[in-house]
C-alpha cells in the first residue's frame, strides 16, 4: 500500500517531472476558470442592473 504523502517526503527525479506536467496542464484550466468567473460576474451585474436599475 502506498502512503499518500510519500512523494512529498521522498524527493526524486520523477516528482519534478510530474510537477512540471501538472503546471502545464493547470494553466489552461486557470485561464478558462478566470474567463468563466469574470463572465458570470458581468452577467450577474447586467441582470441586476436591468432588473432593479
PDB file of N, CA and C in Angstrom:
ATOM      1  N   UNK A   1       0.846  -1.188   0.000  1.00  0.00           N
ATOM      2  CA  UNK A   1       0.000   0.000   0.000  1.00  0.00           C
ATOM      3  C   UNK A   1       0.887   1.245   0.000  1.00  0.00           C
ATOM      4  N   UNK A   2       0.598   2.161  -0.881  1.00  0.00           N
ATOM      5  CA  UNK A   2       1.396   3.375  -0.996  1.00  0.00           C
ATOM      6  C   UNK A   2       0.892   4.419  -0.015  1.00  0.00           C
ATOM      7  N   UNK A   3       1.828   5.049   0.672  1.00  0.00           N
ATOM      8  CA  UNK A   3       1.451   6.104   1.618  1.00  0.00           C
ATOM      9  C   UNK A   3       1.068   7.355   0.829  1.00  0.00           C
ATOM     10  N   UNK A   4       0.053   8.100   1.286  1.00  0.00           N
ATOM     11  CA  UNK A   4      -0.458   9.213   0.487  1.00  0.00           C
ATOM     12  C   UNK A   4       0.528  10.347   0.267  1.00  0.00           C
ATOM     13  N   UNK A   5       1.383  10.646   1.256  1.00  0.00           N
ATOM     14  CA  UNK A   5       2.287  11.778   1.112  1.00  0.00           C
ATOM     15  C   UNK A   5       3.737  11.344   0.985  1.00  0.00           C
ATOM     16  N   UNK A   6       3.958  10.109   0.508  1.00  0.00           N
ATOM     17  CA  UNK A   6       5.329   9.629   0.393  1.00  0.00           C
ATOM     18  C   UNK A   6       6.105  10.372  -0.685  1.00  0.00           C
ATOM     19  N   UNK A   7       5.417  10.858  -1.727  1.00  0.00           N
ATOM     20  CA  UNK A   7       6.138  11.584  -2.780  1.00  0.00           C
ATOM     21  C   UNK A   7       6.604  12.955  -2.295  1.00  0.00           C
ATOM     22  N   UNK A   8       5.968  13.523  -1.280  1.00  0.00           N
ATOM     23  CA  UNK A   8       6.425  14.805  -0.733  1.00  0.00           C
ATOM     24  C   UNK A   8       7.649  14.574   0.146  1.00  0.00           C
ATOM     25  N   UNK A   9       7.624  13.498   0.917  1.00  0.00           N
ATOM     26  CA  UNK A   9       8.728  13.215   1.834  1.00  0.00           C
ATOM     27  C   UNK A   9       9.950  12.737   1.067  1.00  0.00           C
ATOM     28  N   UNK A  10       9.775  11.789   0.162  1.00  0.00           N
ATOM     29  CA  UNK A  10      10.885  11.232  -0.610  1.00  0.00           C
ATOM     30  C   UNK A  10      10.980  11.933  -1.960  1.00  0.00           C
ATOM     31  N   UNK A  11      11.894  12.895  -2.046  1.00  0.00           N
ATOM     32  CA  UNK A  11      12.059  13.628  -3.303  1.00  0.00           C
ATOM     33  C   UNK A  11      12.905  12.796  -4.258  1.00  0.00           C
ATOM     34  N   UNK A  12      12.448  12.677  -5.493  1.00  0.00           N
ATOM     35  CA  UNK A  12      13.250  12.037  -6.533  1.00  0.00           C
ATOM     36  C   UNK A  12      13.027  12.759  -7.851  1.00  0.00           C
ATOM     37  N   UNK A  13      13.636  12.257  -8.924  1.00  0.00           N
ATOM     38  CA  UNK A  13      13.576  12.946 -10.207  1.00  0.00           C
ATOM     39  C   UNK A  13      12.188  12.904 -10.817  1.00  0.00           C
ATOM     40  N   UNK A  14      11.414  11.876 -10.538  1.00  0.00           N
ATOM     41  CA  UNK A  14      10.100  11.755 -11.157  1.00  0.00           C
ATOM     42  C   UNK A  14       9.121  12.803 -10.642  1.00  0.00           C
ATOM     43  N   UNK A  15       9.258  13.234  -9.394  1.00  0.00           N
ATOM     44  CA  UNK A  15       8.316  14.216  -8.867  1.00  0.00           C
ATOM     45  C   UNK A  15       8.491  15.566  -9.543  1.00  0.00           C
ATOM     46  N   UNK A  16       9.732  15.948  -9.874  1.00  0.00           N
ATOM     47  CA  UNK A  16       9.930  17.228 -10.540  1.00  0.00           C
ATOM     48  C   UNK A  16       9.332  17.196 -11.947  1.00  0.00           C
ATOM     49  N   UNK A  17       9.412  16.053 -12.614  1.00  0.00           N
ATOM     50  CA  UNK A  17       8.808  15.951 -13.943  1.00  0.00           C
ATOM     51  C   UNK A  17       7.290  15.988 -13.856  1.00  0.00           C
ATOM     52  N   UNK A  18       6.716  15.321 -12.874  1.00  0.00           N
ATOM     53  CA  UNK A  18       5.265  15.318 -12.766  1.00  0.00           C
ATOM     54  C   UNK A  18       4.744  16.686 -12.366  1.00  0.00           C
ATOM     55  N   UNK A  19       5.487  17.414 -11.537  1.00  0.00           N
ATOM     56  CA  UNK A  19       5.055  18.763 -11.167  1.00  0.00           C
ATOM     57  C   UNK A  19       5.078  19.674 -12.379  1.00  0.00           C
ATOM     58  N   UNK A  20       6.066  19.500 -13.253  1.00  0.00           N
ATOM     59  CA  UNK A  20       6.133  20.317 -14.463  1.00  0.00           C
ATOM     60  C   UNK A  20       4.953  20.010 -15.378  1.00  0.00           C
ATOM     61  N   UNK A  21       4.612  18.728 -15.511  1.00  0.00           N
ATOM     62  CA  UNK A  21       3.463  18.358 -16.334  1.00  0.00           C
ATOM     63  C   UNK A  21       2.168  18.871 -15.724  1.00  0.00           C
ATOM     64  N   UNK A  22       2.034  18.820 -14.395  1.00  0.00           N
ATOM     65  CA  UNK A  22       0.825  19.312 -13.746  1.00  0.00           C
ATOM     66  C   UNK A  22       0.666  20.810 -13.939  1.00  0.00           C
ATOM     67  N   UNK A  23       1.761  21.564 -13.857  1.00  0.00           N
ATOM     68  CA  UNK A  23       1.654  23.006 -14.024  1.00  0.00           C
ATOM     69  C   UNK A  23       1.304  23.353 -15.465  1.00  0.00           C
ATOM     70  N   UNK A  24       1.793  22.555 -16.430  1.00  0.00           N
ATOM     71  CA  UNK A  24       1.440  22.813 -17.824  1.00  0.00           C
ATOM     72  C   UNK A  24      -0.030  22.506 -18.074  1.00  0.00           C
ATOM     73  N   UNK A  25      -0.567  21.495 -17.400  1.00  0.00           N
ATOM     74  CA  UNK A  25      -1.972  21.157 -17.571  1.00  0.00           C
ATOM     75  C   UNK A  25      -2.874  22.137 -16.840  1.00  0.00           C
ATOM     76  N   UNK A  26      -2.413  22.722 -15.744  1.00  0.00           N
ATOM     77  CA  UNK A  26      -3.282  23.567 -14.937  1.00  0.00           C
ATOM     78  C   UNK A  26      -3.394  24.986 -15.486  1.00  0.00           C
ATOM     79  N   UNK A  27      -2.433  25.428 -16.287  1.00  0.00           N
ATOM     80  CA  UNK A  27      -2.501  26.794 -16.810  1.00  0.00           C
ATOM     81  C   UNK A  27      -3.748  27.033 -17.656  1.00  0.00           C
ATOM     82  N   UNK A  28      -4.102  26.156 -18.613  1.00  0.00           N
ATOM     83  CA  UNK A  28      -5.332  26.396 -19.368  1.00  0.00           C
ATOM     84  C   UNK A  28      -6.578  26.336 -18.490  1.00  0.00           C
ATOM     85  N   UNK A  29      -6.562  25.494 -17.477  1.00  0.00           N
ATOM     86  CA  UNK A  29      -7.716  25.416 -16.583  1.00  0.00           C
ATOM     87  C   UNK A  29      -7.869  26.694 -15.779  1.00  0.00           C
ATOM     88  N   UNK A  30      -6.758  27.280 -15.343  1.00  0.00           N
ATOM     89  CA  UNK A  30      -6.821  28.535 -14.598  1.00  0.00           C
ATOM     90  C   UNK A  30      -7.340  29.650 -15.486  1.00  0.00           C
ATOM     91  N   UNK A  31      -6.864  29.707 -16.726  1.00  0.00           N
ATOM     92  CA  UNK A  31      -7.314  30.748 -17.657  1.00  0.00           C
ATOM     93  C   UNK A  31      -8.798  30.571 -17.961  1.00  0.00           C
ATOM     94  N   UNK A  32      -9.218  29.336 -18.230  1.00  0.00           N
ATOM     95  CA  UNK A  32     -10.624  29.078 -18.525  1.00  0.00           C
ATOM     96  C   UNK A  32     -11.511  29.409 -17.327  1.00  0.00           C
ATOM     97  N   UNK A  33     -11.081  29.044 -16.132  1.00  0.00           N
ATOM     98  CA  UNK A  33     -11.850  29.344 -14.928  1.00  0.00           C
ATOM     99  C   UNK A  33     -11.968  30.831 -14.682  1.00  0.00           C
ATOM    100  N   UNK A  34     -10.895  31.569 -14.950  1.00  0.00           N
ATOM    101  CA  UNK A  34     -10.933  33.017 -14.781  1.00  0.00           C
ATOM    102  C   UNK A  34     -11.913  33.654 -15.759  1.00  0.00           C
ATOM    103  N   UNK A  35     -11.910  33.194 -17.002  1.00  0.00           N
ATOM    104  CA  UNK A  35     -12.826  33.739 -18.008  1.00  0.00           C
ATOM    105  C   UNK A  35     -14.272  33.440 -17.622  1.00  0.00           C
ATOM    106  N   UNK A  36     -14.548  32.223 -17.183  1.00  0.00           N
ATOM    107  CA  UNK A  36     -15.907  31.854 -16.791  1.00  0.00           C
ATOM    108  C   UNK A  36     -16.350  32.663 -15.579  1.00  0.00           C
ATOM    109  N   UNK A  37     -15.461  32.848 -14.615  1.00  0.00           N
ATOM    110  CA  UNK A  37     -15.808  33.606 -13.416  1.00  0.00           C
ATOM    111  C   UNK A  37     -16.107  35.061 -13.748  1.00  0.00           C
ATOM    112  N   UNK A  38     -15.247  35.670 -14.559  1.00  0.00           N
ATOM    113  CA  UNK A  38     -15.474  37.074 -14.913  1.00  0.00           C
ATOM    114  C   UNK A  38     -16.742  37.244 -15.725  1.00  0.00           C
ATOM    115  N   UNK A  39     -16.996  36.336 -16.660  1.00  0.00           N
ATOM    116  CA  UNK A  39     -18.207  36.466 -17.468  1.00  0.00           C
ATOM    117  C   UNK A  39     -19.458  36.263 -16.614  1.00  0.00           C
ATOM    118  N   UNK A  40     -19.403  35.373 -15.626  1.00  0.00           N
ATOM    119  CA  UNK A  40     -20.573  35.183 -14.767  1.00  0.00           C
ATOM    120  C   UNK A  40     -20.808  36.402 -13.875  1.00  0.00           C
ATOM    121  N   UNK A  41     -19.724  37.056 -13.429  1.00  0.00           N
ATOM    122  CA  UNK A  41     -19.886  38.269 -12.621  1.00  0.00           C
ATOM    123  C   UNK A  41     -20.512  39.377 -13.460  1.00  0.00           C
ATOM    124  N   UNK A  42     -20.024  39.560 -14.694  1.00  0.00           N
ATOM    125  CA  UNK A  42     -20.598  40.595 -15.549  1.00  0.00           C
ATOM    126  C   UNK A  42     -22.049  40.290 -15.904  1.00  0.00           C
ATOM    127  N   UNK A  43     -22.369  39.032 -16.127  1.00  0.00           N
ATOM    128  CA  UNK A  43     -23.749  38.662 -16.415  1.00  0.00           C
ATOM    129  C   UNK A  43     -24.649  38.922 -15.207  1.00  0.00           C
ATOM    130  N   UNK A  44     -24.151  38.639 -14.014  1.00  0.00           N
ATOM    131  CA  UNK A  44     -24.921  38.924 -12.804  1.00  0.00           C
ATOM    132  C   UNK A  44     -25.141  40.415 -12.634  1.00  0.00           C
ATOM    133  N   UNK A  45     -24.101  41.214 -12.857  1.00  0.00           N
ATOM    134  CA  UNK A  45     -24.257  42.670 -12.742  1.00  0.00           C
ATOM    135  C   UNK A  45     -25.202  43.213 -13.800  1.00  0.00           C
ATOM    136  N   UNK A  46     -25.139  42.688 -15.008  1.00  0.00           N
ATOM    137  CA  UNK A  46     -26.044  43.106 -16.070  1.00  0.00           C
ATOM    138  C   UNK A  46     -27.492  42.768 -15.720  1.00  0.00           C
ATOM    139  N   UNK A  47     -27.711  41.597 -15.165  1.00  0.00           N
ATOM    140  CA  UNK A  47     -29.062  41.186 -14.781  1.00  0.00           C
ATOM    141  C   UNK A  47     -29.597  42.058 -13.659  1.00  0.00           C
ATOM    142  N   UNK A  48     -28.769  42.336 -12.659  1.00  0.00           N
ATOM    143  CA  UNK A  48     -29.200  43.178 -11.541  1.00  0.00           C
ATOM    144  C   UNK A  48     -29.502  44.592 -12.035  1.00  0.00           C
ATOM    145  N   UNK A  49     -28.679  45.098 -12.956  1.00  0.00           N
ATOM    146  CA  UNK A  49     -28.900  46.441 -13.465  1.00  0.00           C
ATOM    147  C   UNK A  49     -30.193  46.533 -14.249  1.00  0.00           C
ATOM    148  N   UNK A  50     -30.515  45.508 -15.041  1.00  0.00           N
ATOM    149  CA  UNK A  50     -31.753  45.538 -15.798  1.00  0.00           C
ATOM    150  C   UNK A  50     -32.982  45.322 -14.919  1.00  0.00           C
ATOM    151  N   UNK A  51     -32.857  44.524 -13.900  1.00  0.00           N
ATOM    152  CA  UNK A  51     -33.998  44.193 -13.048  1.00  0.00           C
ATOM    153  C   UNK A  51     -34.316  45.350 -12.099  1.00  0.00           C
ATOM    154  N   UNK A  52     -33.279  45.912 -11.463  1.00  0.00           N
ATOM    155  CA  UNK A  52     -33.500  46.912 -10.415  1.00  0.00           C
ATOM    156  C   UNK A  52     -33.041  48.309 -10.799  1.00  0.00           C
ATOM    157  N   UNK A  53     -32.385  48.473 -11.952  1.00  0.00           N
ATOM    158  CA  UNK A  53     -31.795  49.754 -12.281  1.00  0.00           C
ATOM    159  C   UNK A  53     -32.654  50.700 -13.010  1.00  0.00           C
TER     160      UNK A  53
END
